[in-house]
Amino acid sequence: MSDSGIQKIEELLGKYSKLTPKDVLIKDFFITLLNEELSLSIKKETVSFSNKILFLKTNSVIKNVVFLKKEMIIKEINTKFGKNTIIDIV
């Protein structure tokens, strides 16, 4: 393979290496939303996303506040990322 062919492959792979997975974007948006709308601060490690469900591993006070505003949070995330991006928060 010529040097120009290798360079083109490196450029193509470089573009894809800068893409952020959607689940990371959703978790970041969720954390920002909690911070801005509910004045809650949580760590990224306390949030996971699988099968359209956001999982919280944090104290019960924060979980209760989130569950009280669950519909609003789900609506905001689905508005930003597309219908049925998430269906529940547990």
N, C-alpha and C. Protein backbone atom coordinates (compact mmCIF):
# COMPACT_ATOMS: atom_id res chain seq x y z
N MET A 1 0.85 -1.18 0.00
CA MET A 1 0.00 0.00 0.00
C MET A 1 0.89 1.24 0.00
N SER A 2 0.51 2.22 -0.75
CA SER A 2 1.32 3.43 -0.86
C SER A 2 1.17 4.30 0.39
N ASP A 3 2.12 5.22 0.54
CA ASP A 3 2.08 6.13 1.68
C ASP A 3 0.81 6.98 1.68
N SER A 4 0.34 7.37 0.50
CA SER A 4 -0.88 8.19 0.44
C SER A 4 -2.10 7.38 0.86
N GLY A 5 -2.10 6.08 0.54
CA GLY A 5 -3.22 5.22 0.97
C GLY A 5 -3.26 5.06 2.48
N ILE A 6 -2.09 4.89 3.08
CA ILE A 6 -2.00 4.78 4.53
C ILE A 6 -2.42 6.09 5.19
N GLN A 7 -2.02 7.19 4.60
CA GLN A 7 -2.37 8.50 5.15
C GLN A 7 -3.89 8.71 5.09
N LYS A 8 -4.53 8.30 4.01
CA LYS A 8 -5.99 8.44 3.90
C LYS A 8 -6.70 7.60 4.95
N ILE A 9 -6.21 6.40 5.18
CA ILE A 9 -6.80 5.54 6.20
C ILE A 9 -6.64 6.17 7.58
N GLU A 10 -5.46 6.73 7.87
CA GLU A 10 -5.21 7.38 9.16
C GLU A 10 -6.14 8.58 9.35
N GLU A 11 -6.37 9.35 8.29
CA GLU A 11 -7.28 10.49 8.37
C GLU A 11 -8.70 10.03 8.66
N LEU A 12 -9.13 8.98 7.97
CA LEU A 12 -10.48 8.45 8.18
C LEU A 12 -10.66 7.94 9.60
N LEU A 13 -9.70 7.17 10.08
CA LEU A 13 -9.78 6.66 11.45
C LEU A 13 -9.70 7.79 12.47
N GLY A 14 -8.94 8.82 12.17
CA GLY A 14 -8.84 9.97 13.06
C GLY A 14 -10.17 10.67 13.23
N LYS A 15 -10.93 10.77 12.15
CA LYS A 15 -12.26 11.40 12.24
C LYS A 15 -13.18 10.59 13.14
N TYR A 16 -13.15 9.27 13.03
CA TYR A 16 -14.03 8.43 13.83
C TYR A 16 -13.58 8.35 15.29
N SER A 17 -12.31 8.52 15.55
CA SER A 17 -11.84 8.44 16.93
C SER A 17 -12.31 9.62 17.76
N LYS A 18 -12.70 10.71 17.11
CA LYS A 18 -13.17 11.90 17.81
C LYS A 18 -14.66 11.86 18.11
N LEU A 19 -15.39 10.88 17.60
CA LEU A 19 -16.82 10.78 17.85
C LEU A 19 -17.06 10.29 19.27
N THR A 20 -18.06 10.85 19.92
CA THR A 20 -18.41 10.45 21.27
C THR A 20 -19.62 9.53 21.21
N PRO A 21 -19.57 8.38 21.89
CA PRO A 21 -20.73 7.48 21.90
C PRO A 21 -21.97 8.17 22.47
N LYS A 22 -23.13 7.81 21.93
CA LYS A 22 -24.38 8.45 22.32
C LYS A 22 -24.66 8.28 23.81
N ASP A 23 -24.33 7.13 24.40
CA ASP A 23 -24.62 6.94 25.82
C ASP A 23 -23.82 7.90 26.69
N VAL A 24 -22.61 8.24 26.27
CA VAL A 24 -21.81 9.20 27.02
C VAL A 24 -22.44 10.59 26.93
N LEU A 25 -22.91 10.95 25.74
CA LEU A 25 -23.57 12.24 25.57
C LEU A 25 -24.85 12.32 26.40
N ILE A 26 -25.60 11.24 26.46
CA ILE A 26 -26.84 11.21 27.25
C ILE A 26 -26.53 11.37 28.73
N LYS A 27 -25.54 10.65 29.22
CA LYS A 27 -25.16 10.76 30.63
C LYS A 27 -24.68 12.17 30.96
N ASP A 28 -23.87 12.76 30.10
CA ASP A 28 -23.39 14.12 30.32
C ASP A 28 -24.55 15.11 30.34
N PHE A 29 -25.48 14.97 29.41
CA PHE A 29 -26.64 15.86 29.35
C PHE A 29 -27.49 15.69 30.61
N PHE A 30 -27.69 14.46 31.06
CA PHE A 30 -28.46 14.18 32.26
C PHE A 30 -27.83 14.85 33.48
N ILE A 31 -26.53 14.72 33.63
CA ILE A 31 -25.82 15.33 34.76
C ILE A 31 -25.92 16.85 34.71
N THR A 32 -25.76 17.42 33.53
CA THR A 32 -25.89 18.87 33.36
C THR A 32 -27.31 19.33 33.66
N LEU A 33 -28.29 18.58 33.20
CA LEU A 33 -29.69 18.90 33.45
C LEU A 33 -30.00 18.91 34.94
N LEU A 34 -29.52 17.89 35.66
CA LEU A 34 -29.73 17.84 37.11
C LEU A 34 -29.07 19.04 37.79
N ASN A 35 -27.90 19.39 37.34
CA ASN A 35 -27.18 20.50 37.94
C ASN A 35 -27.89 21.83 37.68
N GLU A 36 -28.29 22.07 36.44
CA GLU A 36 -28.88 23.36 36.08
C GLU A 36 -30.34 23.49 36.52
N GLU A 37 -31.13 22.45 36.36
CA GLU A 37 -32.57 22.54 36.65
C GLU A 37 -32.93 22.23 38.10
N LEU A 38 -32.18 21.33 38.73
CA LEU A 38 -32.53 20.87 40.07
C LEU A 38 -31.46 21.19 41.11
N SER A 39 -30.40 21.83 40.69
CA SER A 39 -29.27 22.17 41.58
C SER A 39 -28.70 20.95 42.29
N LEU A 40 -28.64 19.83 41.57
CA LEU A 40 -28.07 18.60 42.10
C LEU A 40 -26.74 18.34 41.42
N SER A 41 -25.79 17.92 42.20
CA SER A 41 -24.48 17.61 41.66
C SER A 41 -24.19 16.12 41.89
N ILE A 42 -24.02 15.39 40.80
CA ILE A 42 -23.69 13.97 40.92
C ILE A 42 -22.48 13.66 40.05
N LYS A 43 -21.80 12.60 40.40
CA LYS A 43 -20.62 12.18 39.65
C LYS A 43 -21.03 11.32 38.47
N LYS A 44 -20.23 11.38 37.43
CA LYS A 44 -20.49 10.60 36.22
C LYS A 44 -20.53 9.10 36.49
N GLU A 45 -19.73 8.65 37.47
CA GLU A 45 -19.67 7.23 37.80
C GLU A 45 -20.97 6.70 38.41
N THR A 46 -21.83 7.60 38.88
CA THR A 46 -23.08 7.17 39.52
C THR A 46 -24.21 6.97 38.52
N VAL A 47 -23.94 7.23 37.26
CA VAL A 47 -24.97 7.12 36.22
C VAL A 47 -24.53 6.09 35.19
N SER A 48 -25.44 5.18 34.86
CA SER A 48 -25.18 4.25 33.75
C SER A 48 -26.41 4.22 32.85
N PHE A 49 -26.23 3.79 31.62
CA PHE A 49 -27.29 3.80 30.63
C PHE A 49 -27.28 2.49 29.87
N SER A 50 -28.42 1.80 29.89
CA SER A 50 -28.53 0.53 29.18
C SER A 50 -29.98 0.26 28.81
N ASN A 51 -30.20 -0.21 27.60
CA ASN A 51 -31.55 -0.58 27.13
C ASN A 51 -32.58 0.51 27.38
N LYS A 52 -32.22 1.74 27.04
CA LYS A 52 -33.09 2.91 27.15
C LYS A 52 -33.46 3.26 28.60
N ILE A 53 -32.68 2.79 29.57
CA ILE A 53 -32.94 3.08 30.98
C ILE A 53 -31.69 3.70 31.59
N LEU A 54 -31.90 4.83 32.29
CA LEU A 54 -30.82 5.45 33.06
C LEU A 54 -30.85 4.88 34.47
N PHE A 55 -29.71 4.43 34.94
CA PHE A 55 -29.60 3.87 36.28
C PHE A 55 -28.80 4.82 37.16
N LEU A 56 -29.33 5.11 38.35
CA LEU A 56 -28.65 5.97 39.31
C LEU A 56 -28.16 5.15 40.48
N LYS A 57 -26.91 5.35 40.82
CA LYS A 57 -26.35 4.70 42.00
C LYS A 57 -25.86 5.82 42.92
N THR A 58 -26.79 6.38 43.64
CA THR A 58 -26.49 7.51 44.51
C THR A 58 -27.38 7.45 45.74
N ASN A 59 -27.28 8.44 46.59
CA ASN A 59 -28.05 8.39 47.84
C ASN A 59 -29.54 8.60 47.59
N SER A 60 -30.33 8.20 48.55
CA SER A 60 -31.79 8.20 48.39
C SER A 60 -32.38 9.59 48.27
N VAL A 61 -31.75 10.59 48.85
CA VAL A 61 -32.27 11.96 48.75
C VAL A 61 -32.24 12.42 47.29
N ILE A 62 -31.11 12.21 46.65
CA ILE A 62 -30.99 12.61 45.23
C ILE A 62 -31.93 11.78 44.37
N LYS A 63 -32.01 10.49 44.62
CA LYS A 63 -32.92 9.64 43.85
C LYS A 63 -34.36 10.11 43.98
N ASN A 64 -34.78 10.48 45.18
CA ASN A 64 -36.16 10.94 45.38
C ASN A 64 -36.45 12.22 44.62
N VAL A 65 -35.52 13.15 44.62
CA VAL A 65 -35.70 14.40 43.86
C VAL A 65 -35.79 14.08 42.37
N VAL A 66 -34.92 13.20 41.89
CA VAL A 66 -34.94 12.83 40.47
C VAL A 66 -36.26 12.15 40.12
N PHE A 67 -36.72 11.25 40.97
CA PHE A 67 -37.97 10.54 40.68
C PHE A 67 -39.17 11.48 40.67
N LEU A 68 -39.14 12.53 41.50
CA LEU A 68 -40.22 13.51 41.49
C LEU A 68 -40.26 14.29 40.17
N LYS A 69 -39.11 14.47 39.55
CA LYS A 69 -39.01 15.22 38.29
C LYS A 69 -38.73 14.31 37.10
N LYS A 70 -38.98 13.02 37.27
CA LYS A 70 -38.63 12.04 36.24
C LYS A 70 -39.25 12.33 34.88
N GLU A 71 -40.52 12.67 34.85
CA GLU A 71 -41.19 12.92 33.57
C GLU A 71 -40.55 14.09 32.82
N MET A 72 -40.22 15.16 33.55
CA MET A 72 -39.59 16.32 32.94
C MET A 72 -38.21 15.95 32.40
N ILE A 73 -37.45 15.18 33.17
CA ILE A 73 -36.10 14.78 32.76
C ILE A 73 -36.15 13.91 31.52
N ILE A 74 -37.03 12.93 31.51
CA ILE A 74 -37.18 12.04 30.35
C ILE A 74 -37.59 12.84 29.12
N LYS A 75 -38.53 13.77 29.29
CA LYS A 75 -38.99 14.59 28.17
C LYS A 75 -37.84 15.42 27.60
N GLU A 76 -37.04 16.04 28.47
CA GLU A 76 -35.91 16.85 28.01
C GLU A 76 -34.88 16.02 27.24
N ILE A 77 -34.57 14.85 27.77
CA ILE A 77 -33.58 13.98 27.10
C ILE A 77 -34.12 13.51 25.76
N ASN A 78 -35.38 13.09 25.73
CA ASN A 78 -35.97 12.61 24.47
C ASN A 78 -36.13 13.73 23.45
N THR A 79 -36.36 14.95 23.91
CA THR A 79 -36.43 16.09 23.00
C THR A 79 -35.07 16.34 22.36
N LYS A 80 -34.02 16.23 23.15
CA LYS A 80 -32.67 16.50 22.64
C LYS A 80 -32.13 15.38 21.76
N PHE A 81 -32.36 14.11 22.16
CA PHE A 81 -31.72 12.98 21.49
C PHE A 81 -32.66 12.14 20.63
N GLY A 82 -33.94 12.44 20.65
CA GLY A 82 -34.89 11.69 19.83
C GLY A 82 -35.88 10.92 20.67
N LYS A 83 -37.06 10.76 20.10
CA LYS A 83 -38.14 10.08 20.81
C LYS A 83 -37.71 8.69 21.28
N ASN A 84 -38.09 8.36 22.50
CA ASN A 84 -37.80 7.06 23.12
C ASN A 84 -36.31 6.76 23.29
N THR A 85 -35.50 7.81 23.44
CA THR A 85 -34.09 7.59 23.75
C THR A 85 -33.98 6.93 25.12
N ILE A 86 -34.74 7.47 26.08
CA ILE A 86 -34.85 6.79 27.37
C ILE A 86 -36.32 6.62 27.70
N ILE A 87 -36.61 5.55 28.40
CA ILE A 87 -38.00 5.27 28.79
C ILE A 87 -38.19 5.26 30.30
N ASP A 88 -37.08 5.20 31.06
CA ASP A 88 -37.21 5.15 32.51
C ASP A 88 -35.90 5.57 33.17
N ILE A 89 -36.04 5.96 34.43
CA ILE A 89 -34.89 6.25 35.30
C ILE A 89 -35.10 5.44 36.57
N VAL A 90 -34.14 4.62 36.91
CA VAL A 90 -34.26 3.80 38.13
C VAL A 90 -33.01 3.94 38.97
